[in-house]
Amino acid sequence: MRLLFLIGLICLGSSAQAFLCRFETQCYEAEACAAADFEIEVQLANQSISTEDGDWIIVAKKSEDALITIFAAAKGVEYLVSITPEAARLSGHLNAGPRAIQYLGTCEGAF
């Protein structure tokens, strides 16, 4: 019984099950970074990330006290999302090319 209680406490202390991330800066390959207006909705309960262009599948998640790292995939692109209470980074690696795009922003309600 104590074990179940402890597991429940650990689950309560973990990150939120759904939260929104907004990215204001975009950097594509070696081009200069520019302003962006890109959002993702992270839905840990159903292992997906929603964007206006479609959903990504979360393939792995790692959490520490002040860091959430998510690996996700969509058709032709692999994603890495790193989230702290102060900032969030999103890196998309396009399989064709290869090419990469990075975003910098914040996530509300992740912790």
N, C-alpha and C. Protein backbone atom coordinates (compact mmCIF):
# COMPACT_ATOMS: atom_id res chain seq x y z
N MET A 1 0.82 -1.19 0.00
CA MET A 1 0.00 0.00 0.00
C MET A 1 0.87 1.27 0.00
N ARG A 2 1.93 1.24 0.81
CA ARG A 2 2.84 2.39 0.83
C ARG A 2 3.47 2.62 -0.53
N LEU A 3 3.81 1.55 -1.23
CA LEU A 3 4.42 1.67 -2.54
C LEU A 3 3.49 2.38 -3.51
N LEU A 4 2.22 2.03 -3.52
CA LEU A 4 1.25 2.70 -4.40
C LEU A 4 1.13 4.17 -4.05
N PHE A 5 1.14 4.49 -2.76
CA PHE A 5 1.07 5.88 -2.33
C PHE A 5 2.28 6.66 -2.82
N LEU A 6 3.48 6.09 -2.69
CA LEU A 6 4.71 6.75 -3.15
C LEU A 6 4.70 6.94 -4.66
N ILE A 7 4.24 5.95 -5.39
CA ILE A 7 4.15 6.08 -6.85
C ILE A 7 3.20 7.21 -7.21
N GLY A 8 2.09 7.31 -6.50
CA GLY A 8 1.14 8.40 -6.73
C GLY A 8 1.75 9.76 -6.47
N LEU A 9 2.53 9.89 -5.41
CA LEU A 9 3.20 11.16 -5.11
C LEU A 9 4.20 11.53 -6.19
N ILE A 10 4.93 10.55 -6.66
CA ILE A 10 5.90 10.80 -7.73
C ILE A 10 5.18 11.30 -8.98
N CYS A 11 4.08 10.67 -9.32
CA CYS A 11 3.31 11.08 -10.50
C CYS A 11 2.76 12.49 -10.34
N LEU A 12 2.30 12.84 -9.14
CA LEU A 12 1.79 14.19 -8.90
C LEU A 12 2.88 15.23 -9.03
N GLY A 13 4.10 14.88 -8.69
CA GLY A 13 5.20 15.81 -8.75
C GLY A 13 5.81 15.97 -10.13
N SER A 14 5.37 15.20 -11.07
CA SER A 14 5.95 15.27 -12.41
C SER A 14 5.36 16.43 -13.19
N SER A 15 5.87 16.67 -14.39
CA SER A 15 5.43 17.78 -15.21
C SER A 15 3.96 17.63 -15.61
N ALA A 16 3.41 18.73 -16.11
CA ALA A 16 2.01 18.76 -16.53
C ALA A 16 1.78 17.77 -17.67
N GLN A 17 0.54 17.33 -17.81
CA GLN A 17 0.21 16.37 -18.86
C GLN A 17 -0.04 17.05 -20.21
N ALA A 18 -0.37 18.35 -20.21
CA ALA A 18 -0.57 19.09 -21.47
C ALA A 18 -0.17 20.54 -21.23
N PHE A 19 0.52 21.14 -22.20
CA PHE A 19 0.93 22.53 -22.08
C PHE A 19 1.25 23.10 -23.46
N LEU A 20 1.29 24.43 -23.54
CA LEU A 20 1.50 25.14 -24.79
C LEU A 20 2.89 25.77 -24.81
N CYS A 21 3.57 25.67 -25.96
CA CYS A 21 4.87 26.31 -26.16
C CYS A 21 4.75 27.30 -27.31
N ARG A 22 5.32 28.48 -27.09
CA ARG A 22 5.33 29.52 -28.13
C ARG A 22 6.78 29.85 -28.47
N PHE A 23 7.06 29.90 -29.76
CA PHE A 23 8.42 30.18 -30.22
C PHE A 23 8.43 31.48 -31.02
N GLU A 24 9.30 32.42 -30.59
CA GLU A 24 9.37 33.74 -31.21
C GLU A 24 10.57 33.92 -32.13
N THR A 25 11.53 33.01 -32.07
CA THR A 25 12.74 33.12 -32.89
C THR A 25 12.94 31.84 -33.67
N GLN A 26 13.28 31.98 -34.96
CA GLN A 26 13.51 30.84 -35.85
C GLN A 26 14.86 30.99 -36.53
N CYS A 27 15.63 29.91 -36.57
CA CYS A 27 16.93 29.90 -37.24
C CYS A 27 16.95 28.72 -38.20
N TYR A 28 17.10 29.01 -39.49
CA TYR A 28 17.11 27.95 -40.51
C TYR A 28 18.50 27.82 -41.09
N GLU A 29 19.08 26.62 -40.92
CA GLU A 29 20.43 26.35 -41.42
C GLU A 29 21.39 27.47 -41.03
N ALA A 30 22.18 27.99 -41.97
CA ALA A 30 23.17 29.02 -41.66
C ALA A 30 22.62 30.43 -41.86
N GLU A 31 21.33 30.56 -42.16
CA GLU A 31 20.73 31.88 -42.35
C GLU A 31 20.63 32.59 -41.00
N ALA A 32 20.51 33.91 -41.05
CA ALA A 32 20.34 34.69 -39.83
C ALA A 32 19.00 34.34 -39.18
N CYS A 33 18.98 34.36 -37.86
CA CYS A 33 17.73 34.08 -37.14
C CYS A 33 16.74 35.21 -37.39
N ALA A 34 15.46 34.88 -37.31
CA ALA A 34 14.40 35.85 -37.61
C ALA A 34 13.24 35.65 -36.63
N ALA A 35 12.35 36.61 -36.62
CA ALA A 35 11.16 36.51 -35.78
C ALA A 35 10.28 35.37 -36.28
N ALA A 36 9.60 34.72 -35.35
CA ALA A 36 8.71 33.61 -35.69
C ALA A 36 7.44 33.72 -34.86
N ASP A 37 6.42 33.02 -35.29
CA ASP A 37 5.16 32.91 -34.55
C ASP A 37 4.70 31.47 -34.71
N PHE A 38 5.32 30.56 -33.92
CA PHE A 38 5.07 29.14 -34.04
C PHE A 38 4.69 28.59 -32.69
N GLU A 39 3.64 27.78 -32.63
CA GLU A 39 3.17 27.19 -31.38
C GLU A 39 3.05 25.68 -31.51
N ILE A 40 3.30 25.01 -30.40
CA ILE A 40 3.04 23.58 -30.31
C ILE A 40 2.26 23.32 -29.02
N GLU A 41 1.39 22.35 -29.05
CA GLU A 41 0.69 21.92 -27.85
C GLU A 41 1.17 20.51 -27.52
N VAL A 42 1.87 20.40 -26.41
CA VAL A 42 2.42 19.12 -25.97
C VAL A 42 1.35 18.39 -25.16
N GLN A 43 1.03 17.18 -25.56
CA GLN A 43 0.02 16.36 -24.90
C GLN A 43 0.67 15.05 -24.48
N LEU A 44 1.22 15.05 -23.26
CA LEU A 44 1.96 13.89 -22.78
C LEU A 44 1.06 12.68 -22.58
N ALA A 45 -0.17 12.90 -22.18
CA ALA A 45 -1.09 11.79 -21.90
C ALA A 45 -1.32 10.92 -23.14
N ASN A 46 -1.41 11.53 -24.31
CA ASN A 46 -1.63 10.73 -25.52
C ASN A 46 -0.40 10.69 -26.42
N GLN A 47 0.75 11.07 -25.86
CA GLN A 47 2.04 10.95 -26.56
C GLN A 47 2.07 11.66 -27.91
N SER A 48 1.56 12.91 -27.94
CA SER A 48 1.57 13.65 -29.20
C SER A 48 1.85 15.13 -28.96
N ILE A 49 2.27 15.77 -30.03
CA ILE A 49 2.46 17.22 -30.07
C ILE A 49 1.64 17.71 -31.25
N SER A 50 0.77 18.67 -30.99
CA SER A 50 -0.09 19.22 -32.05
C SER A 50 0.45 20.55 -32.53
N THR A 51 0.44 20.72 -33.85
CA THR A 51 0.80 21.98 -34.48
C THR A 51 -0.29 22.30 -35.51
N GLU A 52 -0.27 23.50 -36.05
CA GLU A 52 -1.26 23.83 -37.07
C GLU A 52 -1.00 23.07 -38.37
N ASP A 53 0.20 22.50 -38.51
CA ASP A 53 0.53 21.72 -39.71
C ASP A 53 0.31 20.22 -39.53
N GLY A 54 -0.10 19.79 -38.33
CA GLY A 54 -0.33 18.37 -38.09
C GLY A 54 0.27 17.93 -36.76
N ASP A 55 0.08 16.68 -36.45
CA ASP A 55 0.54 16.12 -35.17
C ASP A 55 1.86 15.38 -35.33
N TRP A 56 2.64 15.41 -34.24
CA TRP A 56 3.88 14.65 -34.15
C TRP A 56 3.69 13.58 -33.10
N ILE A 57 4.38 12.49 -33.25
CA ILE A 57 4.32 11.39 -32.28
C ILE A 57 5.51 11.51 -31.33
N ILE A 58 5.24 11.53 -30.03
CA ILE A 58 6.32 11.54 -29.04
C ILE A 58 6.86 10.12 -28.93
N VAL A 59 8.16 9.96 -29.21
CA VAL A 59 8.77 8.63 -29.16
C VAL A 59 9.54 8.41 -27.87
N ALA A 60 9.92 9.50 -27.16
CA ALA A 60 10.60 9.37 -25.88
C ALA A 60 10.49 10.69 -25.13
N LYS A 61 10.50 10.59 -23.79
CA LYS A 61 10.46 11.76 -22.92
C LYS A 61 11.34 11.50 -21.71
N LYS A 62 12.11 12.50 -21.35
CA LYS A 62 12.97 12.41 -20.17
C LYS A 62 12.72 13.64 -19.32
N SER A 63 12.51 13.45 -18.02
CA SER A 63 12.25 14.58 -17.13
C SER A 63 13.23 14.60 -15.98
N GLU A 64 13.65 15.80 -15.62
CA GLU A 64 14.43 16.06 -14.43
C GLU A 64 13.73 17.18 -13.68
N ASP A 65 14.30 17.64 -12.57
CA ASP A 65 13.63 18.67 -11.78
C ASP A 65 13.24 19.89 -12.60
N ALA A 66 14.14 20.45 -13.36
CA ALA A 66 13.87 21.67 -14.10
C ALA A 66 14.18 21.51 -15.58
N LEU A 67 14.00 20.30 -16.11
CA LEU A 67 14.27 20.05 -17.52
C LEU A 67 13.36 18.93 -18.03
N ILE A 68 12.70 19.22 -19.14
CA ILE A 68 11.93 18.19 -19.85
C ILE A 68 12.55 18.09 -21.24
N THR A 69 12.87 16.88 -21.67
CA THR A 69 13.40 16.64 -23.00
C THR A 69 12.46 15.68 -23.71
N ILE A 70 12.02 16.07 -24.90
CA ILE A 70 11.07 15.26 -25.67
C ILE A 70 11.65 15.00 -27.05
N PHE A 71 11.56 13.75 -27.48
CA PHE A 71 11.93 13.37 -28.84
C PHE A 71 10.64 13.01 -29.56
N ALA A 72 10.43 13.59 -30.74
CA ALA A 72 9.18 13.36 -31.48
C ALA A 72 9.50 13.17 -32.96
N ALA A 73 8.52 12.61 -33.68
CA ALA A 73 8.72 12.36 -35.11
C ALA A 73 7.44 12.69 -35.87
N ALA A 74 7.63 13.15 -37.08
CA ALA A 74 6.55 13.36 -38.04
C ALA A 74 7.10 12.94 -39.39
N LYS A 75 6.27 12.89 -40.38
CA LYS A 75 6.70 12.42 -41.69
C LYS A 75 7.85 13.28 -42.22
N GLY A 76 9.03 12.69 -42.31
CA GLY A 76 10.19 13.34 -42.88
C GLY A 76 10.99 14.22 -41.94
N VAL A 77 10.58 14.32 -40.65
CA VAL A 77 11.27 15.19 -39.72
C VAL A 77 11.37 14.53 -38.35
N GLU A 78 12.52 14.71 -37.70
CA GLU A 78 12.72 14.26 -36.32
C GLU A 78 12.89 15.51 -35.47
N TYR A 79 12.27 15.54 -34.29
CA TYR A 79 12.28 16.73 -33.43
C TYR A 79 12.89 16.45 -32.07
N LEU A 80 13.55 17.46 -31.52
CA LEU A 80 14.04 17.46 -30.15
C LEU A 80 13.52 18.74 -29.50
N VAL A 81 12.84 18.61 -28.37
CA VAL A 81 12.33 19.75 -27.63
C VAL A 81 12.97 19.71 -26.24
N SER A 82 13.61 20.80 -25.84
CA SER A 82 14.21 20.93 -24.51
C SER A 82 13.53 22.09 -23.81
N ILE A 83 12.97 21.81 -22.60
CA ILE A 83 12.17 22.81 -21.90
C ILE A 83 12.69 22.98 -20.48
N THR A 84 12.92 24.22 -20.09
CA THR A 84 13.21 24.58 -18.70
C THR A 84 12.15 25.59 -18.27
N PRO A 85 12.08 25.95 -17.01
CA PRO A 85 11.10 26.96 -16.61
C PRO A 85 11.32 28.31 -17.28
N GLU A 86 12.54 28.60 -17.70
CA GLU A 86 12.85 29.90 -18.31
C GLU A 86 12.76 29.93 -19.83
N ALA A 87 12.99 28.82 -20.51
CA ALA A 87 13.07 28.84 -21.97
C ALA A 87 12.77 27.47 -22.56
N ALA A 88 12.54 27.47 -23.87
CA ALA A 88 12.33 26.22 -24.60
C ALA A 88 13.06 26.31 -25.94
N ARG A 89 13.62 25.20 -26.34
CA ARG A 89 14.27 25.09 -27.66
C ARG A 89 13.62 23.93 -28.40
N LEU A 90 13.40 24.15 -29.68
CA LEU A 90 12.86 23.13 -30.57
C LEU A 90 13.79 23.03 -31.75
N SER A 91 14.24 21.83 -32.05
CA SER A 91 15.11 21.59 -33.18
C SER A 91 14.46 20.54 -34.08
N GLY A 92 14.27 20.89 -35.33
CA GLY A 92 13.71 19.95 -36.30
C GLY A 92 14.77 19.57 -37.32
N HIS A 93 14.97 18.27 -37.49
CA HIS A 93 15.96 17.77 -38.44
C HIS A 93 15.22 17.11 -39.59
N LEU A 94 15.26 17.74 -40.75
CA LEU A 94 14.59 17.24 -41.93
C LEU A 94 15.42 16.13 -42.55
N ASN A 95 14.79 15.02 -42.83
CA ASN A 95 15.52 13.87 -43.37
C ASN A 95 16.03 14.12 -44.78
N ALA A 96 15.32 14.91 -45.57
CA ALA A 96 15.76 15.25 -46.92
C ALA A 96 16.80 16.35 -46.81
N GLY A 97 17.97 16.13 -47.31
CA GLY A 97 18.97 17.18 -47.28
C GLY A 97 20.31 16.73 -46.75
N PRO A 98 20.52 16.52 -45.50
CA PRO A 98 19.68 16.88 -44.36
C PRO A 98 19.72 18.38 -44.11
N ARG A 99 18.69 18.89 -43.48
CA ARG A 99 18.58 20.30 -43.12
C ARG A 99 18.03 20.38 -41.70
N ALA A 100 18.23 21.54 -41.06
CA ALA A 100 17.74 21.71 -39.69
C ALA A 100 17.16 23.10 -39.51
N ILE A 101 16.19 23.17 -38.61
CA ILE A 101 15.59 24.44 -38.22
C ILE A 101 15.48 24.44 -36.70
N GLN A 102 15.75 25.59 -36.09
CA GLN A 102 15.70 25.69 -34.64
C GLN A 102 14.79 26.85 -34.24
N TYR A 103 14.11 26.66 -33.11
CA TYR A 103 13.23 27.70 -32.57
C TYR A 103 13.59 27.95 -31.11
N LEU A 104 13.40 29.18 -30.66
CA LEU A 104 13.61 29.56 -29.27
C LEU A 104 12.35 30.23 -28.76
N GLY A 105 11.88 29.81 -27.58
CA GLY A 105 10.68 30.39 -27.01
C GLY A 105 10.49 29.95 -25.57
N THR A 106 9.23 29.81 -25.16
CA THR A 106 8.89 29.41 -23.80
C THR A 106 7.69 28.47 -23.82
N CYS A 107 7.54 27.71 -22.74
CA CYS A 107 6.39 26.81 -22.57
C CYS A 107 5.68 27.21 -21.28
N GLU A 108 4.38 27.41 -21.37
CA GLU A 108 3.57 27.79 -20.21
C GLU A 108 2.94 26.55 -19.59
N GLY A 109 3.12 26.39 -18.29
CA GLY A 109 2.47 25.30 -17.57
C GLY A 109 3.17 23.96 -17.66
N ALA A 110 4.41 23.94 -18.12
CA ALA A 110 5.13 22.67 -18.25
C ALA A 110 5.59 22.14 -16.89
N PHE A 111 5.77 23.04 -15.93
CA PHE A 111 6.28 22.65 -14.61
C PHE A 111 5.28 23.00 -13.53
